[in-house]
Amino acid sequence: MNKPAFLLAAAVFASAAAHAQVTVTDPWVRSTVAQQKTTAAYMTITSLQGGKLVDASSPVAASAEVHEMKMEGDLMKMRAVDTLPLPMGKAVELKPSGYHMMLMGLKAPVKAGDVVPIRLVIEDAKGQRRTVDVKAVARQQ
């Protein structure tokens, strides 16, 4: 293989490897009822190199935010977080009653079985951002 072809192949491989550094497993979204304008998405995110989730979006909603549920005294409170740390090699679970993603301003109801696309923006330790496209299946829970 000549040098330019080798360099091109190496660049393509490096790009594919960078995307493989973040894996998302078991993505799902709660189905909704008519007139409901928000729902929640859940998944497990693992970053082999570490980093943080800095943004999310979905074409089915006006906005997407990561929220956390936390006990404060005797009350469970929910609040948005600006970023979600992704420690190197450790699975971070977005689940009911913990960290989760709120999809707000839904454009239409989400029915069980629908596939909801979600785009995650992950920032690595060097400040480089990568997108990860997720397809979450809606289900009743």
Protein backbone atom coordinates (compact mmCIF):
# COMPACT_ATOMS: atom_id res chain seq x y z
CA MET A 1 0.00 0.00 0.00
CA ASN A 2 1.38 3.43 -0.90
CA LYS A 3 1.86 6.09 1.77
CA PRO A 4 -1.19 8.31 0.96
CA ALA A 5 -3.51 5.29 0.88
CA PHE A 6 -2.04 4.03 4.14
CA LEU A 7 -2.54 7.44 5.79
CA LEU A 8 -6.14 7.59 4.56
CA ALA A 9 -6.85 4.08 5.87
CA ALA A 10 -5.23 4.96 9.21
CA ALA A 11 -7.38 8.11 9.50
CA VAL A 12 -10.58 6.17 8.76
CA PHE A 13 -9.62 3.52 11.32
CA ALA A 14 -8.80 6.16 13.96
CA SER A 15 -12.16 7.85 13.37
CA ALA A 16 -14.02 4.55 13.72
CA ALA A 17 -12.02 3.72 16.85
CA ALA A 18 -12.91 7.07 18.42
CA HIS A 19 -16.61 6.36 17.95
CA ALA A 20 -16.17 2.87 19.42
CA GLN A 21 -14.71 4.43 22.56
CA VAL A 22 -18.25 5.19 23.76
CA THR A 23 -20.88 2.47 23.87
CA VAL A 24 -24.55 2.80 24.69
CA THR A 25 -26.54 -0.25 25.75
CA ASP A 26 -30.23 -0.89 26.44
CA PRO A 27 -31.58 2.51 25.33
CA TRP A 28 -35.31 2.93 25.85
CA VAL A 29 -37.90 5.68 26.22
CA ARG A 30 -41.15 5.70 28.19
CA SER A 31 -44.20 5.73 25.95
CA THR A 32 -46.63 8.60 26.50
CA VAL A 33 -50.35 9.30 26.52
CA ALA A 34 -52.11 11.88 24.36
CA GLN A 35 -51.30 15.49 25.28
CA GLN A 36 -48.21 14.48 27.30
CA LYS A 37 -45.34 16.82 26.41
CA THR A 38 -42.44 15.15 28.24
CA THR A 39 -41.00 11.70 28.60
CA ALA A 40 -37.81 10.13 29.89
CA ALA A 41 -35.06 8.16 28.17
CA TYR A 42 -32.83 5.60 29.84
CA MET A 43 -29.63 3.85 28.79
CA THR A 44 -26.21 2.78 29.97
CA ILE A 45 -23.21 4.75 28.65
CA THR A 46 -19.62 3.51 28.88
CA SER A 47 -16.65 5.59 27.77
CA LEU A 48 -13.41 3.63 27.49
CA GLN A 49 -11.33 6.82 27.68
CA GLY A 50 -13.55 8.76 30.06
CA GLY A 51 -15.13 12.11 29.45
CA LYS A 52 -18.54 13.64 29.95
CA LEU A 53 -21.92 13.86 28.29
CA VAL A 54 -22.31 17.56 27.46
CA ASP A 55 -25.40 17.69 25.24
CA ALA A 56 -28.25 15.64 23.85
CA SER A 57 -30.99 16.16 21.30
CA SER A 58 -33.78 14.29 19.57
CA PRO A 59 -35.93 15.22 16.59
CA VAL A 60 -39.04 14.12 18.53
CA ALA A 61 -38.58 16.83 21.20
CA ALA A 62 -37.82 20.54 21.44
CA SER A 63 -35.08 19.82 24.00
CA ALA A 64 -33.30 17.06 25.88
CA GLU A 65 -31.69 17.42 29.30
CA VAL A 66 -29.98 15.07 31.70
CA HIS A 67 -31.59 15.21 35.14
CA GLU A 68 -30.75 13.58 38.43
CA MET A 69 -33.04 12.41 41.20
CA LYS A 70 -31.62 13.01 44.64
CA MET A 71 -32.90 12.70 48.19
CA GLU A 72 -32.70 15.99 50.07
CA GLY A 73 -33.91 15.36 53.60
CA ASP A 74 -37.22 13.55 53.24
CA LEU A 75 -37.88 14.78 49.69
CA MET A 76 -36.84 13.31 46.37
CA LYS A 77 -35.86 16.20 44.10
CA MET A 78 -35.15 16.31 40.40
CA ARG A 79 -32.79 18.81 38.83
CA ALA A 80 -31.04 19.28 35.50
CA VAL A 81 -27.28 18.76 35.34
CA ASP A 82 -25.04 20.61 32.87
CA THR A 83 -22.77 17.63 32.25
CA LEU A 84 -22.74 13.96 33.19
CA PRO A 85 -19.29 12.60 34.10
CA LEU A 86 -18.33 9.38 32.32
CA PRO A 87 -15.47 7.86 34.33
CA MET A 88 -12.99 5.87 32.23
CA GLY A 89 -14.27 2.35 31.58
CA LYS A 90 -17.16 2.58 34.06
CA ALA A 91 -20.78 2.12 33.01
CA VAL A 92 -23.01 5.09 33.86
CA GLU A 93 -26.64 4.07 34.05
CA LEU A 94 -29.47 6.44 33.22
CA LYS A 95 -32.44 4.84 34.97
CA PRO A 96 -35.69 5.64 36.77
CA SER A 97 -35.08 7.34 40.15
CA GLY A 98 -31.49 8.20 39.19
CA TYR A 99 -29.83 10.03 36.33
CA HIS A 100 -32.14 10.06 33.32
CA MET A 101 -32.74 12.09 30.17
CA MET A 102 -35.84 14.22 29.88
CA LEU A 103 -37.24 14.77 26.38
CA MET A 104 -39.32 17.93 26.63
CA GLY A 105 -41.66 19.64 24.22
CA LEU A 106 -42.62 16.42 22.45
CA LYS A 107 -43.84 17.02 18.91
CA ALA A 108 -46.16 13.97 18.97
CA PRO A 109 -47.07 11.14 21.34
CA VAL A 110 -44.50 8.37 21.70
CA LYS A 111 -46.14 4.98 21.33
CA ALA A 112 -44.78 1.65 22.59
CA GLY A 113 -42.60 0.19 19.86
CA ASP A 114 -41.65 3.55 18.33
CA VAL A 115 -37.94 4.03 17.68
CA VAL A 116 -36.76 7.36 19.08
CA PRO A 117 -33.46 8.72 17.73
CA ILE A 118 -31.27 10.50 20.30
CA ARG A 119 -27.95 12.20 19.57
CA LEU A 120 -25.46 12.38 22.44
CA VAL A 121 -22.49 14.75 22.47
CA ILE A 122 -19.54 13.37 24.43
CA GLU A 123 -16.50 15.48 25.31
CA ASP A 124 -13.24 13.66 26.04
CA ALA A 125 -10.51 14.73 28.45
CA LYS A 126 -8.81 16.73 25.66
CA GLY A 127 -11.97 18.73 25.00
CA GLN A 128 -12.74 17.02 21.70
CA ARG A 129 -16.42 16.41 21.07
CA ARG A 130 -17.92 13.40 19.34
CA THR A 131 -21.52 12.53 18.61
CA VAL A 132 -23.08 9.16 19.31
CA ASP A 133 -26.39 8.35 17.65
CA VAL A 134 -28.72 6.15 19.68
CA LYS A 135 -31.98 4.48 18.70
CA ALA A 136 -34.17 4.01 21.77
CA VAL A 137 -37.27 1.83 21.60
CA ALA A 138 -40.33 3.18 23.39
CA ARG A 139 -41.95 0.92 25.93
CA GLN A 140 -44.46 1.13 28.77
CA GLN A 141 -42.99 0.88 32.25
